[in-house]
N, C-alpha and C. Protein backbone atom coordinates (compact mmCIF):
# COMPACT_ATOMS: atom_id res chain seq x y z
N MET A 1 0.81 -1.18 0.00
CA MET A 1 0.00 0.00 0.00
C MET A 1 0.86 1.24 0.00
N SER A 2 0.55 2.04 -0.95
CA SER A 2 1.32 3.28 -0.97
C SER A 2 0.44 4.43 -0.51
N LYS A 3 1.05 5.21 0.29
CA LYS A 3 0.33 6.39 0.79
C LYS A 3 0.75 7.60 -0.02
N HIS A 4 -0.24 8.36 -0.40
CA HIS A 4 0.08 9.62 -1.07
C HIS A 4 0.25 10.70 -0.02
N VAL A 5 1.38 11.32 -0.07
CA VAL A 5 1.63 12.41 0.86
C VAL A 5 1.24 13.70 0.14
N ARG A 6 0.32 14.39 0.71
CA ARG A 6 -0.12 15.64 0.09
C ARG A 6 0.70 16.78 0.66
N THR A 7 1.37 17.48 -0.23
CA THR A 7 2.14 18.64 0.21
C THR A 7 1.24 19.86 0.20
N ARG A 8 1.45 20.69 1.17
CA ARG A 8 0.63 21.89 1.28
C ARG A 8 1.39 23.05 0.66
N GLY A 9 0.71 23.87 -0.08
CA GLY A 9 1.32 25.03 -0.75
C GLY A 9 0.29 25.71 -1.63
N PHE A 10 0.76 26.67 -2.39
CA PHE A 10 -0.13 27.42 -3.27
C PHE A 10 0.05 26.95 -4.69
N THR A 11 -1.02 26.93 -5.42
CA THR A 11 -0.93 26.58 -6.83
C THR A 11 -0.50 27.81 -7.61
N LEU A 12 -0.06 27.56 -8.81
CA LEU A 12 0.37 28.66 -9.68
C LEU A 12 -0.78 29.63 -9.94
N VAL A 13 -1.97 29.13 -10.09
CA VAL A 13 -3.15 29.99 -10.34
C VAL A 13 -3.40 30.90 -9.15
N GLU A 14 -3.31 30.37 -7.95
CA GLU A 14 -3.53 31.19 -6.75
C GLU A 14 -2.48 32.30 -6.65
N ILE A 15 -1.25 31.97 -6.93
CA ILE A 15 -0.19 32.98 -6.88
C ILE A 15 -0.42 34.05 -7.94
N MET A 16 -0.84 33.65 -9.13
CA MET A 16 -1.10 34.62 -10.21
C MET A 16 -2.26 35.56 -9.83
N VAL A 17 -3.31 35.03 -9.23
CA VAL A 17 -4.45 35.85 -8.81
C VAL A 17 -4.00 36.89 -7.79
N VAL A 18 -3.21 36.48 -6.82
CA VAL A 18 -2.72 37.42 -5.81
C VAL A 18 -1.84 38.50 -6.45
N MET A 19 -1.00 38.12 -7.41
CA MET A 19 -0.13 39.10 -8.08
C MET A 19 -0.96 40.12 -8.88
N VAL A 20 -2.02 39.66 -9.52
CA VAL A 20 -2.89 40.57 -10.28
C VAL A 20 -3.57 41.54 -9.32
N ILE A 21 -4.07 41.05 -8.20
CA ILE A 21 -4.73 41.92 -7.22
C ILE A 21 -3.74 42.97 -6.69
N ILE A 22 -2.54 42.56 -6.37
CA ILE A 22 -1.52 43.50 -5.88
C ILE A 22 -1.20 44.53 -6.96
N GLY A 23 -1.07 44.11 -8.20
CA GLY A 23 -0.77 45.04 -9.30
C GLY A 23 -1.87 46.07 -9.50
N VAL A 24 -3.11 45.63 -9.48
CA VAL A 24 -4.24 46.56 -9.64
C VAL A 24 -4.29 47.55 -8.48
N THR A 25 -4.09 47.07 -7.27
CA THR A 25 -4.10 47.94 -6.09
C THR A 25 -2.99 48.98 -6.16
N LEU A 26 -1.79 48.58 -6.52
CA LEU A 26 -0.68 49.53 -6.64
C LEU A 26 -0.93 50.53 -7.76
N GLY A 27 -1.50 50.07 -8.85
CA GLY A 27 -1.82 50.97 -9.96
C GLY A 27 -2.81 52.04 -9.56
N LEU A 28 -3.86 51.66 -8.86
CA LEU A 28 -4.85 52.63 -8.40
C LEU A 28 -4.26 53.60 -7.38
N ALA A 29 -3.43 53.08 -6.49
CA ALA A 29 -2.81 53.94 -5.48
C ALA A 29 -1.88 54.95 -6.13
N SER A 30 -1.14 54.55 -7.14
CA SER A 30 -0.22 55.49 -7.79
C SER A 30 -0.98 56.54 -8.59
N LEU A 31 -2.12 56.19 -9.17
CA LEU A 31 -2.93 57.18 -9.89
C LEU A 31 -3.47 58.24 -8.94
N ASN A 32 -3.89 57.83 -7.75
CA ASN A 32 -4.42 58.78 -6.78
C ASN A 32 -3.32 59.58 -6.10
N ALA A 33 -2.13 59.02 -5.98
CA ALA A 33 -1.04 59.70 -5.30
C ALA A 33 -0.41 60.78 -6.17
N ILE A 34 -0.50 60.64 -7.48
CA ILE A 34 0.07 61.63 -8.39
C ILE A 34 -1.07 62.43 -8.99
N PRO A 35 -1.32 63.66 -8.47
CA PRO A 35 -2.44 64.43 -8.99
C PRO A 35 -2.20 64.88 -10.43
N SER A 36 -3.27 64.98 -11.16
CA SER A 36 -3.18 65.42 -12.54
C SER A 36 -2.99 66.93 -12.58
N PRO A 37 -2.51 67.48 -13.70
CA PRO A 37 -2.38 68.93 -13.83
C PRO A 37 -3.73 69.64 -13.63
N ARG A 38 -4.80 69.00 -14.05
CA ARG A 38 -6.14 69.58 -13.86
C ARG A 38 -6.47 69.69 -12.37
N GLN A 39 -6.14 68.64 -11.59
CA GLN A 39 -6.39 68.68 -10.14
C GLN A 39 -5.53 69.75 -9.47
N ASP A 40 -4.27 69.87 -9.90
CA ASP A 40 -3.40 70.92 -9.34
C ASP A 40 -3.98 72.30 -9.61
N LEU A 41 -4.46 72.53 -10.82
CA LEU A 41 -5.04 73.82 -11.18
C LEU A 41 -6.32 74.08 -10.38
N GLN A 42 -7.11 73.05 -10.18
CA GLN A 42 -8.34 73.17 -9.39
C GLN A 42 -8.02 73.54 -7.94
N LYS A 43 -7.02 72.89 -7.35
CA LYS A 43 -6.62 73.21 -5.97
C LYS A 43 -6.08 74.63 -5.86
N GLU A 44 -5.30 75.04 -6.86
CA GLU A 44 -4.77 76.41 -6.86
C GLU A 44 -5.91 77.42 -6.93
N ALA A 45 -6.92 77.14 -7.75
CA ALA A 45 -8.07 78.03 -7.86
C ALA A 45 -8.86 78.08 -6.55
N GLN A 46 -9.01 76.95 -5.88
CA GLN A 46 -9.72 76.93 -4.60
C GLN A 46 -8.97 77.73 -3.54
N ARG A 47 -7.64 77.58 -3.49
CA ARG A 47 -6.82 78.36 -2.55
C ARG A 47 -6.96 79.85 -2.85
N LEU A 48 -6.86 80.20 -4.12
CA LEU A 48 -6.95 81.60 -4.52
C LEU A 48 -8.33 82.18 -4.25
N THR A 49 -9.37 81.38 -4.39
CA THR A 49 -10.72 81.83 -4.08
C THR A 49 -10.83 82.26 -2.63
N LEU A 50 -10.30 81.44 -1.73
CA LEU A 50 -10.34 81.79 -0.30
C LEU A 50 -9.53 83.04 -0.01
N LEU A 51 -8.38 83.19 -0.67
CA LEU A 51 -7.55 84.38 -0.45
C LEU A 51 -8.21 85.64 -1.01
N LEU A 52 -8.90 85.53 -2.13
CA LEU A 52 -9.61 86.69 -2.68
C LEU A 52 -10.75 87.11 -1.76
N GLN A 53 -11.45 86.14 -1.18
CA GLN A 53 -12.50 86.48 -0.21
C GLN A 53 -11.90 87.20 0.99
N LEU A 54 -10.75 86.71 1.46
CA LEU A 54 -10.08 87.35 2.59
C LEU A 54 -9.62 88.76 2.24
N ALA A 55 -9.09 88.94 1.04
CA ALA A 55 -8.64 90.28 0.61
C ALA A 55 -9.81 91.24 0.53
N ARG A 56 -10.93 90.78 0.04
CA ARG A 56 -12.13 91.62 -0.02
C ARG A 56 -12.54 92.05 1.38
N ASP A 57 -12.55 91.08 2.32
CA ASP A 57 -12.91 91.40 3.71
C ASP A 57 -11.89 92.35 4.35
N GLU A 58 -10.62 92.16 4.02
CA GLU A 58 -9.57 93.06 4.55
C GLU A 58 -9.79 94.49 4.09
N ALA A 59 -10.18 94.67 2.84
CA ALA A 59 -10.42 96.02 2.32
C ALA A 59 -11.55 96.70 3.09
N ILE A 60 -12.57 95.96 3.42
CA ILE A 60 -13.70 96.52 4.16
C ILE A 60 -13.29 96.82 5.60
N VAL A 61 -12.59 95.88 6.24
CA VAL A 61 -12.19 96.06 7.64
C VAL A 61 -11.17 97.18 7.79
N ARG A 62 -10.17 97.23 6.91
CA ARG A 62 -9.13 98.27 6.98
C ARG A 62 -9.63 99.62 6.50
N ASN A 63 -10.75 99.61 5.78
CA ASN A 63 -11.28 100.82 5.18
C ASN A 63 -10.28 101.42 4.19
N ARG A 64 -9.58 100.53 3.49
CA ARG A 64 -8.60 100.92 2.47
C ARG A 64 -8.67 99.89 1.35
N PRO A 65 -8.46 100.33 0.11
CA PRO A 65 -8.48 99.37 -1.00
C PRO A 65 -7.36 98.33 -0.87
N VAL A 66 -7.67 97.11 -1.25
CA VAL A 66 -6.70 96.02 -1.29
C VAL A 66 -6.71 95.47 -2.72
N THR A 67 -5.51 95.23 -3.24
CA THR A 67 -5.38 94.76 -4.62
C THR A 67 -4.72 93.40 -4.67
N PHE A 68 -5.25 92.55 -5.51
CA PHE A 68 -4.62 91.28 -5.87
C PHE A 68 -3.82 91.55 -7.13
N GLU A 69 -2.53 91.26 -7.09
CA GLU A 69 -1.65 91.50 -8.25
C GLU A 69 -0.98 90.17 -8.62
N ALA A 70 -1.06 89.81 -9.90
CA ALA A 70 -0.54 88.50 -10.32
C ALA A 70 0.21 88.61 -11.64
N THR A 71 1.26 87.82 -11.72
CA THR A 71 1.99 87.57 -12.96
C THR A 71 1.84 86.07 -13.24
N PRO A 72 2.31 85.59 -14.37
CA PRO A 72 2.18 84.14 -14.62
C PRO A 72 2.92 83.25 -13.61
N GLU A 73 3.88 83.82 -12.89
CA GLU A 73 4.67 83.03 -11.95
C GLU A 73 4.22 83.13 -10.50
N HIS A 74 3.76 84.30 -10.06
CA HIS A 74 3.41 84.47 -8.65
C HIS A 74 2.33 85.53 -8.47
N TYR A 75 1.86 85.66 -7.23
CA TYR A 75 0.86 86.67 -6.92
C TYR A 75 1.09 87.22 -5.51
N ARG A 76 0.52 88.40 -5.27
CA ARG A 76 0.64 89.04 -3.97
C ARG A 76 -0.55 89.96 -3.76
N PHE A 77 -0.67 90.46 -2.53
CA PHE A 77 -1.74 91.37 -2.17
C PHE A 77 -1.13 92.67 -1.68
N LEU A 78 -1.70 93.78 -2.14
CA LEU A 78 -1.21 95.11 -1.78
C LEU A 78 -2.33 95.90 -1.12
N VAL A 79 -1.96 96.79 -0.21
CA VAL A 79 -2.92 97.68 0.43
C VAL A 79 -2.54 99.11 0.08
N ARG A 80 -3.55 99.96 -0.11
CA ARG A 80 -3.32 101.36 -0.47
C ARG A 80 -3.14 102.19 0.79
N ASN A 81 -1.96 102.78 0.93
CA ASN A 81 -1.72 103.74 2.01
C ASN A 81 -1.97 105.13 1.48
N GLU A 82 -1.59 106.15 2.20
CA GLU A 82 -1.91 107.52 1.79
C GLU A 82 -1.39 107.86 0.40
N THR A 83 -0.19 107.40 0.06
CA THR A 83 0.42 107.83 -1.20
C THR A 83 0.68 106.71 -2.21
N ARG A 84 0.74 105.46 -1.75
CA ARG A 84 1.12 104.41 -2.69
C ARG A 84 0.61 103.04 -2.24
N TRP A 85 0.76 102.07 -3.16
CA TRP A 85 0.42 100.68 -2.86
C TRP A 85 1.61 100.02 -2.17
N GLU A 86 1.35 99.29 -1.09
CA GLU A 86 2.41 98.58 -0.38
C GLU A 86 1.98 97.13 -0.17
N PRO A 87 2.95 96.20 -0.26
CA PRO A 87 2.60 94.81 0.01
C PRO A 87 2.07 94.67 1.43
N ILE A 88 1.10 93.79 1.60
CA ILE A 88 0.57 93.55 2.95
C ILE A 88 1.69 92.96 3.77
N GLY A 89 1.83 93.45 4.99
CA GLY A 89 2.97 93.16 5.85
C GLY A 89 3.36 91.70 5.94
N SER A 90 4.63 91.49 6.20
CA SER A 90 5.15 90.12 6.28
C SER A 90 4.57 89.37 7.47
N GLY A 91 3.98 90.07 8.43
CA GLY A 91 3.36 89.42 9.57
C GLY A 91 2.06 88.70 9.20
N ASP A 92 1.51 89.02 8.02
CA ASP A 92 0.27 88.38 7.58
C ASP A 92 0.62 87.16 6.74
N ASP A 93 0.55 86.00 7.35
CA ASP A 93 0.95 84.77 6.66
C ASP A 93 -0.03 84.37 5.57
N LEU A 94 -1.30 84.76 5.70
CA LEU A 94 -2.30 84.34 4.72
C LEU A 94 -2.18 85.13 3.41
N LEU A 95 -1.98 86.44 3.50
CA LEU A 95 -1.94 87.27 2.30
C LEU A 95 -0.51 87.57 1.85
N ARG A 96 0.40 86.69 2.17
CA ARG A 96 1.80 86.88 1.77
C ARG A 96 1.96 86.57 0.28
N GLU A 97 3.09 86.96 -0.28
CA GLU A 97 3.38 86.66 -1.68
C GLU A 97 3.59 85.15 -1.84
N ARG A 98 3.04 84.62 -2.93
CA ARG A 98 3.15 83.18 -3.20
C ARG A 98 3.47 82.94 -4.67
N ASP A 99 4.11 81.82 -4.92
CA ASP A 99 4.32 81.36 -6.30
C ASP A 99 3.16 80.46 -6.69
N PHE A 100 2.77 80.52 -7.97
CA PHE A 100 1.78 79.59 -8.47
C PHE A 100 2.42 78.21 -8.57
N LYS A 101 1.66 77.19 -8.20
CA LYS A 101 2.14 75.83 -8.38
C LYS A 101 2.06 75.53 -9.88
N ASN A 102 3.06 74.87 -10.42
CA ASN A 102 3.13 74.54 -11.84
C ASN A 102 3.12 75.78 -12.73
N ALA A 103 3.80 76.84 -12.29
CA ALA A 103 3.91 78.07 -13.09
C ALA A 103 4.73 77.77 -14.34
N PRO A 104 4.58 78.55 -15.39
CA PRO A 104 3.75 79.75 -15.50
C PRO A 104 2.31 79.41 -15.88
N LEU A 105 1.40 80.24 -15.40
CA LEU A 105 -0.01 80.12 -15.73
C LEU A 105 -0.41 81.25 -16.66
N THR A 106 -1.42 81.01 -17.45
CA THR A 106 -2.03 82.08 -18.23
C THR A 106 -3.20 82.60 -17.42
N LEU A 107 -3.24 83.92 -17.21
CA LEU A 107 -4.29 84.55 -16.42
C LEU A 107 -5.14 85.42 -17.33
N LEU A 108 -6.44 85.21 -17.28
CA LEU A 108 -7.38 86.00 -18.08
C LEU A 108 -8.43 86.57 -17.15
N LEU A 109 -8.79 87.83 -17.37
CA LEU A 109 -9.79 88.48 -16.55
C LEU A 109 -10.95 88.93 -17.43
N ASP A 110 -12.17 88.56 -17.02
CA ASP A 110 -13.36 88.93 -17.78
C ASP A 110 -14.36 89.60 -16.85
N PRO A 111 -14.79 90.79 -17.04
CA PRO A 111 -14.37 91.67 -18.12
C PRO A 111 -12.99 92.25 -17.83
N ALA A 112 -12.24 92.53 -18.89
CA ALA A 112 -10.88 93.06 -18.72
C ALA A 112 -10.89 94.40 -18.01
N SER A 113 -11.99 95.11 -18.04
CA SER A 113 -12.09 96.41 -17.37
C SER A 113 -12.13 96.27 -15.86
N ALA A 114 -12.30 95.03 -15.35
CA ALA A 114 -12.35 94.83 -13.90
C ALA A 114 -10.99 95.06 -13.26
N GLY A 115 -9.95 95.04 -14.04
CA GLY A 115 -8.61 95.26 -13.50
C GLY A 115 -7.62 95.42 -14.64
N THR A 116 -6.41 95.86 -14.31
CA THR A 116 -5.39 95.98 -15.34
C THR A 116 -4.85 94.61 -15.67
N VAL A 117 -4.23 94.50 -16.85
CA VAL A 117 -3.88 93.18 -17.34
C VAL A 117 -2.40 92.83 -17.14
N ASN A 118 -1.47 93.77 -17.11
CA ASN A 118 -0.06 93.41 -17.01
C ASN A 118 0.65 94.27 -15.99
N PRO A 119 0.94 93.85 -14.78
CA PRO A 119 0.46 92.60 -14.21
C PRO A 119 -1.04 92.68 -13.96
N LEU A 120 -1.66 91.53 -13.89
CA LEU A 120 -3.10 91.48 -13.66
C LEU A 120 -3.39 92.02 -12.26
N ARG A 121 -4.34 92.92 -12.16
CA ARG A 121 -4.72 93.49 -10.86
C ARG A 121 -6.23 93.48 -10.71
N ILE A 122 -6.66 93.08 -9.52
CA ILE A 122 -8.07 93.17 -9.15
C ILE A 122 -8.10 93.93 -7.84
N THR A 123 -8.82 95.05 -7.82
CA THR A 123 -8.85 95.89 -6.62
C THR A 123 -10.21 95.75 -5.95
N PHE A 124 -10.14 95.53 -4.63
CA PHE A 124 -11.34 95.47 -3.80
C PHE A 124 -11.43 96.78 -3.04
N GLY A 125 -12.58 97.44 -3.16
CA GLY A 125 -12.77 98.71 -2.49
C GLY A 125 -13.28 98.56 -1.07
N ARG A 126 -13.58 99.69 -0.46
CA ARG A 126 -14.03 99.70 0.93
C ARG A 126 -15.50 99.32 1.06
N GLU A 127 -16.20 99.34 -0.05
CA GLU A 127 -17.63 99.02 -0.05
C GLU A 127 -17.83 97.51 -0.17
N PRO A 128 -18.92 96.99 0.38
CA PRO A 128 -19.16 95.55 0.28
C PRO A 128 -19.60 95.08 -1.11
N VAL A 129 -19.87 96.02 -2.03
CA VAL A 129 -20.30 95.64 -3.38
C VAL A 129 -19.22 96.08 -4.37
N ASP A 130 -18.77 95.14 -5.20
CA ASP A 130 -17.78 95.41 -6.24
C ASP A 130 -18.33 94.94 -7.57
N LYS A 131 -17.55 95.16 -8.63
CA LYS A 131 -17.95 94.67 -9.95
C LYS A 131 -17.72 93.17 -10.04
N PRO A 132 -18.67 92.45 -10.59
CA PRO A 132 -18.46 91.00 -10.79
C PRO A 132 -17.34 90.76 -11.81
N PHE A 133 -16.65 89.64 -11.66
CA PHE A 133 -15.61 89.28 -12.61
C PHE A 133 -15.42 87.77 -12.62
N VAL A 134 -14.72 87.30 -13.65
CA VAL A 134 -14.28 85.91 -13.73
C VAL A 134 -12.78 85.94 -14.00
N LEU A 135 -12.03 85.30 -13.12
CA LEU A 135 -10.59 85.16 -13.29
C LEU A 135 -10.33 83.73 -13.75
N ILE A 136 -9.70 83.59 -14.92
CA ILE A 136 -9.45 82.27 -15.49
C ILE A 136 -7.96 81.95 -15.35
N LEU A 137 -7.69 80.77 -14.78
CA LEU A 137 -6.33 80.25 -14.67
C LEU A 137 -6.21 79.14 -15.71
N ALA A 138 -5.19 79.21 -16.54
CA ALA A 138 -5.01 78.20 -17.58
C ALA A 138 -3.57 77.71 -17.59
N ALA A 139 -3.41 76.42 -17.77
CA ALA A 139 -2.08 75.81 -17.91
C ALA A 139 -2.23 74.62 -18.84
N GLY A 140 -1.44 74.59 -19.88
CA GLY A 140 -1.59 73.52 -20.87
C GLY A 140 -2.97 73.60 -21.50
N GLY A 141 -3.67 72.52 -21.52
CA GLY A 141 -5.03 72.51 -22.06
C GLY A 141 -6.10 72.64 -21.00
N ASN A 142 -5.71 72.90 -19.76
CA ASN A 142 -6.67 72.97 -18.66
C ASN A 142 -6.99 74.41 -18.30
N ARG A 143 -8.27 74.64 -17.97
CA ARG A 143 -8.72 75.98 -17.57
C ARG A 143 -9.66 75.84 -16.38
N VAL A 144 -9.50 76.75 -15.42
CA VAL A 144 -10.39 76.80 -14.26
C VAL A 144 -10.72 78.27 -14.04
N GLY A 145 -11.99 78.54 -13.76
CA GLY A 145 -12.42 79.92 -13.54
C GLY A 145 -12.80 80.17 -12.09
N ILE A 146 -12.53 81.39 -11.63
CA ILE A 146 -12.99 81.85 -10.32
C ILE A 146 -13.99 82.97 -10.60
N ARG A 147 -15.23 82.75 -10.22
CA ARG A 147 -16.29 83.74 -10.46
C ARG A 147 -16.60 84.49 -9.18
N ALA A 148 -16.58 85.82 -9.27
CA ALA A 148 -16.97 86.69 -8.17
C ALA A 148 -18.26 87.39 -8.57
N ASP A 149 -19.26 87.32 -7.71
CA ASP A 149 -20.55 87.91 -8.06
C ASP A 149 -20.67 89.38 -7.69
N GLY A 150 -19.67 89.95 -7.04
CA GLY A 150 -19.69 91.37 -6.70
C GLY A 150 -20.19 91.65 -5.30
N VAL A 151 -20.80 90.67 -4.63
CA VAL A 151 -21.29 90.89 -3.28
C VAL A 151 -20.63 89.97 -2.28
N GLY A 152 -19.46 89.43 -2.67
CA GLY A 152 -18.68 88.65 -1.70
C GLY A 152 -18.72 87.16 -1.88
N HIS A 153 -19.37 86.66 -2.89
CA HIS A 153 -19.40 85.21 -3.13
C HIS A 153 -18.44 84.86 -4.26
N PHE A 154 -17.53 83.95 -3.99
CA PHE A 154 -16.54 83.51 -4.96
C PHE A 154 -16.72 82.01 -5.15
N THR A 155 -16.75 81.56 -6.40
CA THR A 155 -16.91 80.13 -6.67
C THR A 155 -15.90 79.70 -7.73
N VAL A 156 -15.50 78.45 -7.66
CA VAL A 156 -14.60 77.85 -8.64
C VAL A 156 -15.44 77.11 -9.66
N GLU A 157 -15.17 77.36 -10.92
CA GLU A 157 -15.92 76.71 -12.02
C GLU A 157 -15.02 75.77 -12.79
């Protein structure tokens, strides 16, 4: 009588199934870990939307005009003193000068009369009502718009 000794282990099919599952999981994780240029532009627009709302509120609270000034590489906020525009103090971490992520960006303002174009400037006055505008950020083939309705609501489109 011969006894068959059964060895315990994994079959080739089981190992292949596990490898496929691991590969798919790693592939999905790497896609989510590396944001697309469109996602980067969307995040930049959301950050800028919050800063524009803050700049508008600063103009009202300070009772002085505040300007958003941008070039394709970076942006900053200025406040109007008695004789000239000055950058908002270095003590203000929120409205400090910043570089655009994935610069250079193309900046478009609609209507163009809402601010000057080179460098792009949007000025918030002391009044709670301003002119509505759309600021478009573009990089490569991606475009994201920031819409201001003139009464303090900013949305990303």
